[in-house]
Amino acid sequence: MKARVTISLKNGVLDPQGKAIEHALHGLGFEGVNEVRQGKIIELDLGDISTDAAPAEVEKMCTQLLANTVIENYTVELLD
């Protein structure tokens, strides 16, 4: 089983990387871009973790290491 964790900054948190990407896009002529928010995707191979235990295990991984829950939101997607 695999899991995909998508992490993004919460609304209201400054995103300097997103601003840099936005500025670069404008410099390349993509003027229609109004705002860029940068995030990350983490894919996990969960090995032999059971289907029943996987959601709780991935949640623990997110709260303990993968996401800074003070400034970031995350979603978990379990894949076959």
PDB file of N, CA and C in Angstrom:
ATOM      1  N   MET A   1       0.842  -1.172   0.000  1.00  0.00           N
ATOM      2  CA  MET A   1       0.000   0.000   0.000  1.00  0.00           C
ATOM      3  C   MET A   1       0.891   1.240   0.000  1.00  0.00           C
ATOM      4  N   LYS A   2       0.408   2.263  -0.661  1.00  0.00           N
ATOM      5  CA  LYS A   2       1.133   3.527  -0.708  1.00  0.00           C
ATOM      6  C   LYS A   2       0.229   4.645  -0.221  1.00  0.00           C
ATOM      7  N   ALA A   3       0.848   5.741   0.197  1.00  0.00           N
ATOM      8  CA  ALA A   3       0.107   6.918   0.625  1.00  0.00           C
ATOM      9  C   ALA A   3       0.742   8.147  -0.002  1.00  0.00           C
ATOM     10  N   ARG A   4      -0.086   9.099  -0.321  1.00  0.00           N
ATOM     11  CA  ARG A   4       0.383  10.389  -0.831  1.00  0.00           C
ATOM     12  C   ARG A   4      -0.092  11.469   0.135  1.00  0.00           C
ATOM     13  N   VAL A   5       0.855  12.240   0.661  1.00  0.00           N
ATOM     14  CA  VAL A   5       0.558  13.333   1.582  1.00  0.00           C
ATOM     15  C   VAL A   5       0.819  14.634   0.840  1.00  0.00           C
ATOM     16  N   THR A   6      -0.200  15.480   0.757  1.00  0.00           N
ATOM     17  CA  THR A   6      -0.077  16.786   0.120  1.00  0.00           C
ATOM     18  C   THR A   6      -0.076  17.837   1.217  1.00  0.00           C
ATOM     19  N   ILE A   7       0.975  18.639   1.249  1.00  0.00           N
ATOM     20  CA  ILE A   7       1.156  19.627   2.306  1.00  0.00           C
ATOM     21  C   ILE A   7       1.155  21.024   1.688  1.00  0.00           C
ATOM     22  N   SER A   8       0.391  21.932   2.295  1.00  0.00           N
ATOM     23  CA  SER A   8       0.347  23.317   1.828  1.00  0.00           C
ATOM     24  C   SER A   8       0.300  24.258   3.021  1.00  0.00           C
ATOM     25  N   LEU A   9       0.731  25.475   2.787  1.00  0.00           N
ATOM     26  CA  LEU A   9       0.690  26.472   3.852  1.00  0.00           C
ATOM     27  C   LEU A   9      -0.752  26.892   4.134  1.00  0.00           C
ATOM     28  N   LYS A  10      -1.055  27.164   5.380  1.00  0.00           N
ATOM     29  CA  LYS A  10      -2.383  27.647   5.741  1.00  0.00           C
ATOM     30  C   LYS A  10      -2.581  29.047   5.171  1.00  0.00           C
ATOM     31  N   ASN A  11      -3.847  29.400   4.944  1.00  0.00           N
ATOM     32  CA  ASN A  11      -4.164  30.753   4.488  1.00  0.00           C
ATOM     33  C   ASN A  11      -3.654  31.757   5.512  1.00  0.00           C
ATOM     34  N   GLY A  12      -3.107  32.837   5.033  1.00  0.00           N
ATOM     35  CA  GLY A  12      -2.598  33.883   5.913  1.00  0.00           C
ATOM     36  C   GLY A  12      -1.124  33.741   6.250  1.00  0.00           C
ATOM     37  N   VAL A  13      -0.527  32.574   5.961  1.00  0.00           N
ATOM     38  CA  VAL A  13       0.900  32.372   6.206  1.00  0.00           C
ATOM     39  C   VAL A  13       1.658  32.857   4.976  1.00  0.00           C
ATOM     40  N   LEU A  14       2.660  33.701   5.202  1.00  0.00           N
ATOM     41  CA  LEU A  14       3.443  34.222   4.089  1.00  0.00           C
ATOM     42  C   LEU A  14       4.151  33.081   3.363  1.00  0.00           C
ATOM     43  N   ASP A  15       4.202  33.199   2.027  1.00  0.00           N
ATOM     44  CA  ASP A  15       4.797  32.154   1.196  1.00  0.00           C
ATOM     45  C   ASP A  15       5.843  32.781   0.276  1.00  0.00           C
ATOM     46  N   PRO A  16       7.068  33.005   0.766  1.00  0.00           N
ATOM     47  CA  PRO A  16       8.083  33.656  -0.060  1.00  0.00           C
ATOM     48  C   PRO A  16       8.442  32.860  -1.312  1.00  0.00           C
ATOM     49  N   GLN A  17       8.415  31.534  -1.237  1.00  0.00           N
ATOM     50  CA  GLN A  17       8.704  30.731  -2.431  1.00  0.00           C
ATOM     51  C   GLN A  17       7.601  30.906  -3.474  1.00  0.00           C
ATOM     52  N   GLY A  18       6.367  30.949  -3.030  1.00  0.00           N
ATOM     53  CA  GLY A  18       5.253  31.195  -3.943  1.00  0.00           C
ATOM     54  C   GLY A  18       5.375  32.550  -4.612  1.00  0.00           C
ATOM     55  N   LYS A  19       5.767  33.570  -3.843  1.00  0.00           N
ATOM     56  CA  LYS A  19       5.953  34.918  -4.409  1.00  0.00           C
ATOM     57  C   LYS A  19       7.077  34.930  -5.431  1.00  0.00           C
ATOM     58  N   ALA A  20       8.170  34.202  -5.160  1.00  0.00           N
ATOM     59  CA  ALA A  20       9.285  34.141  -6.100  1.00  0.00           C
ATOM     60  C   ALA A  20       8.852  33.467  -7.402  1.00  0.00           C
ATOM     61  N   ILE A  21       8.061  32.399  -7.304  1.00  0.00           N
ATOM     62  CA  ILE A  21       7.558  31.721  -8.493  1.00  0.00           C
ATOM     63  C   ILE A  21       6.625  32.646  -9.272  1.00  0.00           C
ATOM     64  N   GLU A  22       5.744  33.328  -8.555  1.00  0.00           N
ATOM     65  CA  GLU A  22       4.824  34.279  -9.194  1.00  0.00           C
ATOM     66  C   GLU A  22       5.598  35.360  -9.954  1.00  0.00           C
ATOM     67  N   HIS A  23       6.607  35.912  -9.312  1.00  0.00           N
ATOM     68  CA  HIS A  23       7.429  36.954  -9.943  1.00  0.00           C
ATOM     69  C   HIS A  23       8.126  36.412 -11.194  1.00  0.00           C
ATOM     70  N   ALA A  24       8.666  35.202 -11.114  1.00  0.00           N
ATOM     71  CA  ALA A  24       9.343  34.591 -12.256  1.00  0.00           C
ATOM     72  C   ALA A  24       8.372  34.336 -13.405  1.00  0.00           C
ATOM     73  N   LEU A  25       7.168  33.880 -13.082  1.00  0.00           N
ATOM     74  CA  LEU A  25       6.172  33.658 -14.124  1.00  0.00           C
ATOM     75  C   LEU A  25       5.806  34.953 -14.831  1.00  0.00           C
ATOM     76  N   HIS A  26       5.636  36.017 -14.056  1.00  0.00           N
ATOM     77  CA  HIS A  26       5.347  37.325 -14.665  1.00  0.00           C
ATOM     78  C   HIS A  26       6.501  37.749 -15.567  1.00  0.00           C
ATOM     79  N   GLY A  27       7.733  37.503 -15.121  1.00  0.00           N
ATOM     80  CA  GLY A  27       8.907  37.844 -15.924  1.00  0.00           C
ATOM     81  C   GLY A  27       8.970  37.073 -17.239  1.00  0.00           C
ATOM     82  N   LEU A  28       8.350  35.892 -17.252  1.00  0.00           N
ATOM     83  CA  LEU A  28       8.310  35.083 -18.472  1.00  0.00           C
ATOM     84  C   LEU A  28       7.094  35.397 -19.346  1.00  0.00           C
ATOM     85  N   GLY A  29       6.300  36.381 -18.907  1.00  0.00           N
ATOM     86  CA  GLY A  29       5.160  36.800 -19.710  1.00  0.00           C
ATOM     87  C   GLY A  29       3.828  36.193 -19.316  1.00  0.00           C
ATOM     88  N   PHE A  30       3.779  35.434 -18.244  1.00  0.00           N
ATOM     89  CA  PHE A  30       2.521  34.843 -17.782  1.00  0.00           C
ATOM     90  C   PHE A  30       1.829  35.816 -16.829  1.00  0.00           C
ATOM     91  N   GLU A  31       1.263  36.874 -17.383  1.00  0.00           N
ATOM     92  CA  GLU A  31       0.685  37.955 -16.577  1.00  0.00           C
ATOM     93  C   GLU A  31      -0.651  37.585 -15.937  1.00  0.00           C
ATOM     94  N   GLY A  32      -1.305  36.536 -16.409  1.00  0.00           N
ATOM     95  CA  GLY A  32      -2.607  36.156 -15.871  1.00  0.00           C
ATOM     96  C   GLY A  32      -2.547  35.464 -14.518  1.00  0.00           C
ATOM     97  N   VAL A  33      -1.364  35.190 -14.015  1.00  0.00           N
ATOM     98  CA  VAL A  33      -1.223  34.517 -12.718  1.00  0.00           C
ATOM     99  C   VAL A  33      -1.359  35.551 -11.611  1.00  0.00           C
ATOM    100  N   ASN A  34      -2.355  35.366 -10.740  1.00  0.00           N
ATOM    101  CA  ASN A  34      -2.619  36.335  -9.674  1.00  0.00           C
ATOM    102  C   ASN A  34      -1.927  35.994  -8.367  1.00  0.00           C
ATOM    103  N   GLU A  35      -1.815  34.710  -8.072  1.00  0.00           N
ATOM    104  CA  GLU A  35      -1.190  34.301  -6.810  1.00  0.00           C
ATOM    105  C   GLU A  35      -0.656  32.886  -6.954  1.00  0.00           C
ATOM    106  N   VAL A  36       0.477  32.615  -6.337  1.00  0.00           N
ATOM    107  CA  VAL A  36       1.062  31.272  -6.334  1.00  0.00           C
ATOM    108  C   VAL A  36       1.300  30.870  -4.885  1.00  0.00           C
ATOM    109  N   ARG A  37       0.855  29.681  -4.541  1.00  0.00           N
ATOM    110  CA  ARG A  37       1.137  29.092  -3.236  1.00  0.00           C
ATOM    111  C   ARG A  37       1.912  27.809  -3.505  1.00  0.00           C
ATOM    112  N   GLN A  38       3.048  27.654  -2.879  1.00  0.00           N
ATOM    113  CA  GLN A  38       3.922  26.514  -3.106  1.00  0.00           C
ATOM    114  C   GLN A  38       3.694  25.496  -1.999  1.00  0.00           C
ATOM    115  N   GLY A  39       3.722  24.219  -2.331  1.00  0.00           N
ATOM    116  CA  GLY A  39       3.550  23.165  -1.343  1.00  0.00           C
ATOM    117  C   GLY A  39       4.464  21.999  -1.667  1.00  0.00           C
ATOM    118  N   LYS A  40       4.142  20.847  -1.101  1.00  0.00           N
ATOM    119  CA  LYS A  40       4.953  19.672  -1.376  1.00  0.00           C
ATOM    120  C   LYS A  40       4.086  18.420  -1.319  1.00  0.00           C
ATOM    121  N   ILE A  41       4.536  17.401  -2.029  1.00  0.00           N
ATOM    122  CA  ILE A  41       3.885  16.099  -2.029  1.00  0.00           C
ATOM    123  C   ILE A  41       4.907  15.068  -1.565  1.00  0.00           C
ATOM    124  N   ILE A  42       4.504  14.246  -0.622  1.00  0.00           N
ATOM    125  CA  ILE A  42       5.362  13.179  -0.114  1.00  0.00           C
ATOM    126  C   ILE A  42       4.650  11.859  -0.394  1.00  0.00           C
ATOM    127  N   GLU A  43       5.329  10.954  -1.087  1.00  0.00           N
ATOM    128  CA  GLU A  43       4.772   9.639  -1.362  1.00  0.00           C
ATOM    129  C   GLU A  43       5.470   8.607  -0.485  1.00  0.00           C
ATOM    130  N   LEU A  44       4.680   7.794   0.168  1.00  0.00           N
ATOM    131  CA  LEU A  44       5.191   6.802   1.112  1.00  0.00           C
ATOM    132  C   LEU A  44       4.821   5.401   0.657  1.00  0.00           C
ATOM    133  N   ASP A  45       5.775   4.488   0.670  1.00  0.00           N
ATOM    134  CA  ASP A  45       5.489   3.072   0.476  1.00  0.00           C
ATOM    135  C   ASP A  45       5.356   2.487   1.875  1.00  0.00           C
ATOM    136  N   LEU A  46       4.168   2.068   2.215  1.00  0.00           N
ATOM    137  CA  LEU A  46       3.877   1.638   3.582  1.00  0.00           C
ATOM    138  C   LEU A  46       4.173   0.167   3.840  1.00  0.00           C
ATOM    139  N   GLY A  47       4.676  -0.527   2.853  1.00  0.00           N
ATOM    140  CA  GLY A  47       5.056  -1.915   3.058  1.00  0.00           C
ATOM    141  C   GLY A  47       3.898  -2.785   3.490  1.00  0.00           C
ATOM    142  N   ASP A  48       4.051  -3.455   4.621  1.00  0.00           N
ATOM    143  CA  ASP A  48       3.067  -4.433   5.086  1.00  0.00           C
ATOM    144  C   ASP A  48       2.054  -3.869   6.074  1.00  0.00           C
ATOM    145  N   ILE A  49       1.963  -2.558   6.189  1.00  0.00           N
ATOM    146  CA  ILE A  49       0.968  -1.971   7.101  1.00  0.00           C
ATOM    147  C   ILE A  49      -0.423  -2.347   6.592  1.00  0.00           C
ATOM    148  N   SER A  50      -1.281  -2.786   7.483  1.00  0.00           N
ATOM    149  CA  SER A  50      -2.629  -3.202   7.083  1.00  0.00           C
ATOM    150  C   SER A  50      -3.457  -2.004   6.629  1.00  0.00           C
ATOM    151  N   THR A  51      -4.449  -2.288   5.820  1.00  0.00           N
ATOM    152  CA  THR A  51      -5.351  -1.246   5.320  1.00  0.00           C
ATOM    153  C   THR A  51      -6.055  -0.543   6.462  1.00  0.00           C
ATOM    154  N   ASP A  52      -6.366  -1.269   7.521  1.00  0.00           N
ATOM    155  CA  ASP A  52      -7.049  -0.677   8.673  1.00  0.00           C
ATOM    156  C   ASP A  52      -6.127   0.233   9.481  1.00  0.00           C
ATOM    157  N   ALA A  53      -4.852  -0.128   9.596  1.00  0.00           N
ATOM    158  CA  ALA A  53      -3.908   0.645  10.412  1.00  0.00           C
ATOM    159  C   ALA A  53      -3.287   1.813   9.655  1.00  0.00           C
ATOM    160  N   ALA A  54      -3.281   1.758   8.332  1.00  0.00           N
ATOM    161  CA  ALA A  54      -2.577   2.759   7.525  1.00  0.00           C
ATOM    162  C   ALA A  54      -3.021   4.194   7.776  1.00  0.00           C
ATOM    163  N   PRO A  55      -4.328   4.498   7.794  1.00  0.00           N
ATOM    164  CA  PRO A  55      -4.709   5.911   7.996  1.00  0.00           C
ATOM    165  C   PRO A  55      -4.168   6.502   9.298  1.00  0.00           C
ATOM    166  N   ALA A  56      -4.269   5.763  10.379  1.00  0.00           N
ATOM    167  CA  ALA A  56      -3.787   6.274  11.669  1.00  0.00           C
ATOM    168  C   ALA A  56      -2.271   6.423  11.677  1.00  0.00           C
ATOM    169  N   GLU A  57      -1.571   5.467  11.065  1.00  0.00           N
ATOM    170  CA  GLU A  57      -0.103   5.544  11.018  1.00  0.00           C
ATOM    171  C   GLU A  57       0.360   6.759  10.212  1.00  0.00           C
ATOM    172  N   VAL A  58      -0.267   7.002   9.071  1.00  0.00           N
ATOM    173  CA  VAL A  58       0.129   8.143   8.246  1.00  0.00           C
ATOM    174  C   VAL A  58      -0.215   9.456   8.957  1.00  0.00           C
ATOM    175  N   GLU A  59      -1.355   9.506   9.636  1.00  0.00           N
ATOM    176  CA  GLU A  59      -1.704  10.702  10.423  1.00  0.00           C
ATOM    177  C   GLU A  59      -0.633  10.984  11.474  1.00  0.00           C
ATOM    178  N   LYS A  60      -0.170   9.940  12.160  1.00  0.00           N
ATOM    179  CA  LYS A  60       0.889  10.118  13.159  1.00  0.00           C
ATOM    180  C   LYS A  60       2.166  10.624  12.511  1.00  0.00           C
ATOM    181  N   MET A  61       2.512  10.092  11.346  1.00  0.00           N
ATOM    182  CA  MET A  61       3.705  10.557  10.625  1.00  0.00           C
ATOM    183  C   MET A  61       3.589  12.039  10.296  1.00  0.00           C
ATOM    184  N   CYS A  62       2.396  12.445   9.864  1.00  0.00           N
ATOM    185  CA  CYS A  62       2.188  13.845   9.488  1.00  0.00           C
ATOM    186  C   CYS A  62       2.320  14.772  10.689  1.00  0.00           C
ATOM    187  N   THR A  63       1.670  14.423  11.782  1.00  0.00           N
ATOM    188  CA  THR A  63       1.685  15.318  12.933  1.00  0.00           C
ATOM    189  C   THR A  63       3.019  15.328  13.664  1.00  0.00           C
ATOM    190  N   GLN A  64       3.771  14.215  13.592  1.00  0.00           N
ATOM    191  CA  GLN A  64       5.037  14.145  14.304  1.00  0.00           C
ATOM    192  C   GLN A  64       6.232  14.612  13.492  1.00  0.00           C
ATOM    193  N   LEU A  65       6.147  14.552  12.135  1.00  0.00           N
ATOM    194  CA  LEU A  65       7.322  14.873  11.342  1.00  0.00           C
ATOM    195  C   LEU A  65       7.040  15.576  10.021  1.00  0.00           C
ATOM    196  N   LEU A  66       6.130  15.057   9.236  1.00  0.00           N
ATOM    197  CA  LEU A  66       6.007  15.498   7.852  1.00  0.00           C
ATOM    198  C   LEU A  66       5.455  16.904   7.683  1.00  0.00           C
ATOM    199  N   ALA A  67       4.522  17.311   8.530  1.00  0.00           N
ATOM    200  CA  ALA A  67       3.891  18.627   8.401  1.00  0.00           C
ATOM    201  C   ALA A  67       4.068  19.428   9.689  1.00  0.00           C
ATOM    202  N   ASN A  68       4.292  20.714   9.523  1.00  0.00           N
ATOM    203  CA  ASN A  68       4.302  21.631  10.662  1.00  0.00           C
ATOM    204  C   ASN A  68       2.869  22.122  10.811  1.00  0.00           C
ATOM    205  N   THR A  69       2.117  21.487  11.690  1.00  0.00           N
ATOM    206  CA  THR A  69       0.681  21.739  11.776  1.00  0.00           C
ATOM    207  C   THR A  69       0.333  23.137  12.284  1.00  0.00           C
ATOM    208  N   VAL A  70       1.305  23.887  12.756  1.00  0.00           N
ATOM    209  CA  VAL A  70       1.057  25.270  13.160  1.00  0.00           C
ATOM    210  C   VAL A  70       0.820  26.139  11.927  1.00  0.00           C
ATOM    211  N   ILE A  71       1.582  25.883  10.857  1.00  0.00           N
ATOM    212  CA  ILE A  71       1.487  26.737   9.664  1.00  0.00           C
ATOM    213  C   ILE A  71       1.078  25.989   8.401  1.00  0.00           C
ATOM    214  N   GLU A  72       0.934  24.657   8.477  1.00  0.00           N
ATOM    215  CA  GLU A  72       0.638  23.880   7.279  1.00  0.00           C
ATOM    216  C   GLU A  72      -0.614  23.019   7.451  1.00  0.00           C
ATOM    217  N   ASN A  73      -1.328  22.853   6.348  1.00  0.00           N
ATOM    218  CA  ASN A  73      -2.417  21.884   6.243  1.00  0.00           C
ATOM    219  C   ASN A  73      -1.887  20.686   5.474  1.00  0.00           C
ATOM    220  N   TYR A  74      -2.520  19.539   5.666  1.00  0.00           N
ATOM    221  CA  TYR A  74      -2.138  18.374   4.882  1.00  0.00           C
ATOM    222  C   TYR A  74      -3.356  17.518   4.602  1.00  0.00           C
ATOM    223  N   THR A  75      -3.280  16.771   3.502  1.00  0.00           N
ATOM    224  CA  THR A  75      -4.301  15.782   3.183  1.00  0.00           C
ATOM    225  C   THR A  75      -3.571  14.465   2.908  1.00  0.00           C
ATOM    226  N   VAL A  76      -4.233  13.376   3.224  1.00  0.00           N
ATOM    227  CA  VAL A  76      -3.663  12.050   3.034  1.00  0.00           C
ATOM    228  C   VAL A  76      -4.551  11.292   2.052  1.00  0.00           C
ATOM    229  N   GLU A  77      -3.910  10.678   1.069  1.00  0.00           N
ATOM    230  CA  GLU A  77      -4.597   9.849   0.088  1.00  0.00           C
ATOM    231  C   GLU A  77      -3.946   8.478   0.120  1.00  0.00           C
ATOM    232  N   LEU A  78      -4.723   7.430   0.391  1.00  0.00           N
ATOM    233  CA  LEU A  78      -4.207   6.070   0.381  1.00  0.00           C
ATOM    234  C   LEU A  78      -4.402   5.488  -1.005  1.00  0.00           C
ATOM    235  N   LEU A  79      -3.339   4.873  -1.538  1.00  0.00           N
ATOM    236  CA  LEU A  79      -3.341   4.326  -2.885  1.00  0.00           C
ATOM    237  C   LEU A  79      -3.147   2.829  -2.843  1.00  0.00           C
ATOM    238  N   ASP A  80      -3.731   2.121  -3.765  1.00  0.00           N
ATOM    239  CA  ASP A  80      -3.550   0.667  -3.829  1.00  0.00           C
ATOM    240  C   ASP A  80      -2.252   0.313  -4.499  1.00  0.00           C
TER     241      ASP A  80
END
